[in-house]
């Protein structure tokens, strides 16, 4: 049994993610607490990235709720990370990747990718 460093509950070892570089071989937070912590972090990072890119769609100039925004790479060949990975990389790498993108609402993003005329 291991005690979670966040919720302080004692849980089975299977309730913790493995991490080879730790002495114990597992994260100090249980999976549930770790997942909640990551969701908060990812939402904060997306809010920061939206603000960093101007806070509105660069195509239609409208302001939307955060879940509507997407990051469109201007040159797909220069893309090193997609949003799923950008949430996990360092702040400096995230800034570099965002420099290759424009902030678009989901409708404008789909319109930009539409090849049917």
C-alpha atoms as a PDB file:
ATOM      1  CA  UNK A   1       0.000   0.000   0.000  1.00  0.00           C
ATOM      2  CA  UNK A   2       1.135   3.546  -0.787  1.00  0.00           C
ATOM      3  CA  UNK A   3      -0.174   6.861   0.565  1.00  0.00           C
ATOM      4  CA  UNK A   4      -0.997   9.494  -2.064  1.00  0.00           C
ATOM      5  CA  UNK A   5       0.850  12.751  -1.452  1.00  0.00           C
ATOM      6  CA  UNK A   6      -2.206  14.797  -2.489  1.00  0.00           C
ATOM      7  CA  UNK A   7      -5.339  13.095  -1.151  1.00  0.00           C
ATOM      8  CA  UNK A   8      -3.424  11.366   1.677  1.00  0.00           C
ATOM      9  CA  UNK A   9      -5.383   8.142   1.123  1.00  0.00           C
ATOM     10  CA  UNK A  10      -3.656   4.798   1.360  1.00  0.00           C
ATOM     11  CA  UNK A  11      -4.124   2.902  -1.898  1.00  0.00           C
ATOM     12  CA  UNK A  12      -2.975  -0.187  -3.759  1.00  0.00           C
ATOM     13  CA  UNK A  13       0.205   0.133  -5.814  1.00  0.00           C
ATOM     14  CA  UNK A  14      -1.879  -0.424  -8.970  1.00  0.00           C
ATOM     15  CA  UNK A  15      -3.609   2.907  -8.230  1.00  0.00           C
ATOM     16  CA  UNK A  16      -0.328   4.720  -9.024  1.00  0.00           C
ATOM     17  CA  UNK A  17       1.384   5.283 -12.370  1.00  0.00           C
ATOM     18  CA  UNK A  18       4.847   3.783 -12.703  1.00  0.00           C
ATOM     19  CA  UNK A  19       7.862   6.042 -13.100  1.00  0.00           C
ATOM     20  CA  UNK A  20      11.190   4.323 -13.552  1.00  0.00           C
ATOM     21  CA  UNK A  21      13.398   7.243 -12.499  1.00  0.00           C
ATOM     22  CA  UNK A  22      11.874   7.350  -8.994  1.00  0.00           C
ATOM     23  CA  UNK A  23      13.250   5.379  -6.094  1.00  0.00           C
ATOM     24  CA  UNK A  24       9.820   3.856  -5.402  1.00  0.00           C
ATOM     25  CA  UNK A  25       9.175   3.204  -9.099  1.00  0.00           C
ATOM     26  CA  UNK A  26       5.856   5.083  -8.913  1.00  0.00           C
ATOM     27  CA  UNK A  27       4.478   8.609  -8.859  1.00  0.00           C
ATOM     28  CA  UNK A  28       3.767  10.005  -5.397  1.00  0.00           C
ATOM     29  CA  UNK A  29       0.193  10.889  -6.408  1.00  0.00           C
ATOM     30  CA  UNK A  30      -2.461   8.303  -7.166  1.00  0.00           C
ATOM     31  CA  UNK A  31      -3.759   8.103 -10.740  1.00  0.00           C
ATOM     32  CA  UNK A  32      -6.958   9.977  -9.870  1.00  0.00           C
ATOM     33  CA  UNK A  33      -5.130  12.895  -8.208  1.00  0.00           C
ATOM     34  CA  UNK A  34      -2.438  12.968 -10.899  1.00  0.00           C
ATOM     35  CA  UNK A  35      -5.042  13.066 -13.693  1.00  0.00           C
ATOM     36  CA  UNK A  36      -6.945  15.898 -11.982  1.00  0.00           C
ATOM     37  CA  UNK A  37      -3.700  17.842 -11.514  1.00  0.00           C
ATOM     38  CA  UNK A  38      -2.809  17.392 -15.205  1.00  0.00           C
ATOM     39  CA  UNK A  39      -6.262  18.519 -16.371  1.00  0.00           C
ATOM     40  CA  UNK A  40      -5.893  21.757 -14.397  1.00  0.00           C
ATOM     41  CA  UNK A  41      -2.383  22.257 -15.802  1.00  0.00           C
ATOM     42  CA  UNK A  42      -3.513  21.611 -19.375  1.00  0.00           C
ATOM     43  CA  UNK A  43      -6.439  24.032 -19.099  1.00  0.00           C
ATOM     44  CA  UNK A  44      -4.150  26.725 -17.644  1.00  0.00           C
ATOM     45  CA  UNK A  45      -1.644  26.197 -20.460  1.00  0.00           C
ATOM     46  CA  UNK A  46      -4.330  26.471 -23.130  1.00  0.00           C
ATOM     47  CA  UNK A  47      -5.694  29.675 -21.563  1.00  0.00           C
ATOM     48  CA  UNK A  48      -2.172  31.091 -21.498  1.00  0.00           C
ATOM     49  CA  UNK A  49      -1.556  30.062 -25.133  1.00  0.00           C
ATOM     50  CA  UNK A  50      -4.846  31.637 -26.266  1.00  0.00           C
ATOM     51  CA  UNK A  51      -3.927  34.886 -24.526  1.00  0.00           C
ATOM     52  CA  UNK A  52      -0.378  34.724 -25.957  1.00  0.00           C
ATOM     53  CA  UNK A  53      -1.809  34.420 -29.490  1.00  0.00           C
ATOM     54  CA  UNK A  54      -4.122  37.430 -29.077  1.00  0.00           C
ATOM     55  CA  UNK A  55      -7.262  36.005 -27.474  1.00  0.00           C
ATOM     56  CA  UNK A  56      -9.434  36.021 -30.598  1.00  0.00           C
ATOM     57  CA  UNK A  57      -9.703  34.169 -33.884  1.00  0.00           C
ATOM     58  CA  UNK A  58      -7.154  35.620 -36.286  1.00  0.00           C
ATOM     59  CA  UNK A  59      -9.460  34.891 -39.230  1.00  0.00           C
ATOM     60  CA  UNK A  60     -12.915  36.175 -38.161  1.00  0.00           C
ATOM     61  CA  UNK A  61     -11.738  38.335 -35.200  1.00  0.00           C
ATOM     62  CA  UNK A  62     -14.416  36.884 -32.899  1.00  0.00           C
ATOM     63  CA  UNK A  63     -13.866  36.005 -29.228  1.00  0.00           C
ATOM     64  CA  UNK A  64     -15.020  32.533 -28.166  1.00  0.00           C
ATOM     65  CA  UNK A  65     -14.881  30.244 -25.138  1.00  0.00           C
ATOM     66  CA  UNK A  66     -11.470  28.528 -24.840  1.00  0.00           C
ATOM     67  CA  UNK A  67     -12.658  25.115 -26.046  1.00  0.00           C
ATOM     68  CA  UNK A  68     -13.493  26.608 -29.478  1.00  0.00           C
ATOM     69  CA  UNK A  69      -9.915  27.670 -30.260  1.00  0.00           C
ATOM     70  CA  UNK A  70      -7.383  25.640 -32.188  1.00  0.00           C
ATOM     71  CA  UNK A  71      -3.787  26.322 -33.145  1.00  0.00           C
ATOM     72  CA  UNK A  72      -3.223  26.170 -36.900  1.00  0.00           C
ATOM     73  CA  UNK A  73       0.322  25.597 -38.144  1.00  0.00           C
ATOM     74  CA  UNK A  74       1.019  27.919 -41.070  1.00  0.00           C
ATOM     75  CA  UNK A  75       3.574  25.477 -42.503  1.00  0.00           C
ATOM     76  CA  UNK A  76       2.689  21.850 -41.709  1.00  0.00           C
ATOM     77  CA  UNK A  77       6.279  20.803 -42.502  1.00  0.00           C
ATOM     78  CA  UNK A  78       7.622  22.957 -39.655  1.00  0.00           C
ATOM     79  CA  UNK A  79       5.260  21.370 -37.123  1.00  0.00           C
ATOM     80  CA  UNK A  80       7.173  19.709 -34.295  1.00  0.00           C
ATOM     81  CA  UNK A  81       4.243  19.247 -31.879  1.00  0.00           C
ATOM     82  CA  UNK A  82       0.466  19.201 -32.012  1.00  0.00           C
ATOM     83  CA  UNK A  83      -1.619  20.600 -29.160  1.00  0.00           C
ATOM     84  CA  UNK A  84      -1.758  17.268 -27.338  1.00  0.00           C
ATOM     85  CA  UNK A  85       2.044  17.269 -27.125  1.00  0.00           C
ATOM     86  CA  UNK A  86       2.372  21.046 -26.613  1.00  0.00           C
ATOM     87  CA  UNK A  87       0.580  20.653 -23.315  1.00  0.00           C
ATOM     88  CA  UNK A  88       3.423  18.437 -22.125  1.00  0.00           C
ATOM     89  CA  UNK A  89       6.523  20.247 -23.405  1.00  0.00           C
ATOM     90  CA  UNK A  90       8.488  22.981 -21.669  1.00  0.00           C
ATOM     91  CA  UNK A  91       7.249  26.567 -21.739  1.00  0.00           C
ATOM     92  CA  UNK A  92      10.131  27.643 -23.998  1.00  0.00           C
ATOM     93  CA  UNK A  93       9.402  24.910 -26.550  1.00  0.00           C
ATOM     94  CA  UNK A  94       5.704  25.766 -26.402  1.00  0.00           C
ATOM     95  CA  UNK A  95       6.461  29.424 -27.212  1.00  0.00           C
ATOM     96  CA  UNK A  96       8.615  28.355 -30.181  1.00  0.00           C
ATOM     97  CA  UNK A  97       5.858  26.091 -31.504  1.00  0.00           C
ATOM     98  CA  UNK A  98       3.154  28.737 -31.009  1.00  0.00           C
ATOM     99  CA  UNK A  99       5.310  31.062 -33.107  1.00  0.00           C
ATOM    100  CA  UNK A 100       4.562  28.769 -36.045  1.00  0.00           C
ATOM    101  CA  UNK A 101       0.800  28.955 -35.462  1.00  0.00           C
ATOM    102  CA  UNK A 102      -2.182  31.235 -35.732  1.00  0.00           C
ATOM    103  CA  UNK A 103      -5.118  31.068 -33.330  1.00  0.00           C
ATOM    104  CA  UNK A 104      -8.335  30.105 -35.118  1.00  0.00           C
ATOM    105  CA  UNK A 105     -11.842  29.208 -34.048  1.00  0.00           C
ATOM    106  CA  UNK A 106     -12.846  25.679 -35.000  1.00  0.00           C
ATOM    107  CA  UNK A 107     -15.031  26.913 -37.902  1.00  0.00           C
ATOM    108  CA  UNK A 108     -12.279  29.026 -39.441  1.00  0.00           C
ATOM    109  CA  UNK A 109      -9.765  26.213 -38.890  1.00  0.00           C
ATOM    110  CA  UNK A 110     -11.963  23.745 -40.762  1.00  0.00           C
ATOM    111  CA  UNK A 111     -12.589  26.270 -43.529  1.00  0.00           C
ATOM    112  CA  UNK A 112      -8.847  26.785 -43.925  1.00  0.00           C
ATOM    113  CA  UNK A 113      -8.280  23.034 -44.242  1.00  0.00           C
ATOM    114  CA  UNK A 114     -11.203  22.497 -46.608  1.00  0.00           C
ATOM    115  CA  UNK A 115      -9.926  21.407 -50.004  1.00  0.00           C
ATOM    116  CA  UNK A 116     -13.387  20.944 -51.590  1.00  0.00           C
ATOM    117  CA  UNK A 117     -14.333  24.049 -53.563  1.00  0.00           C
END
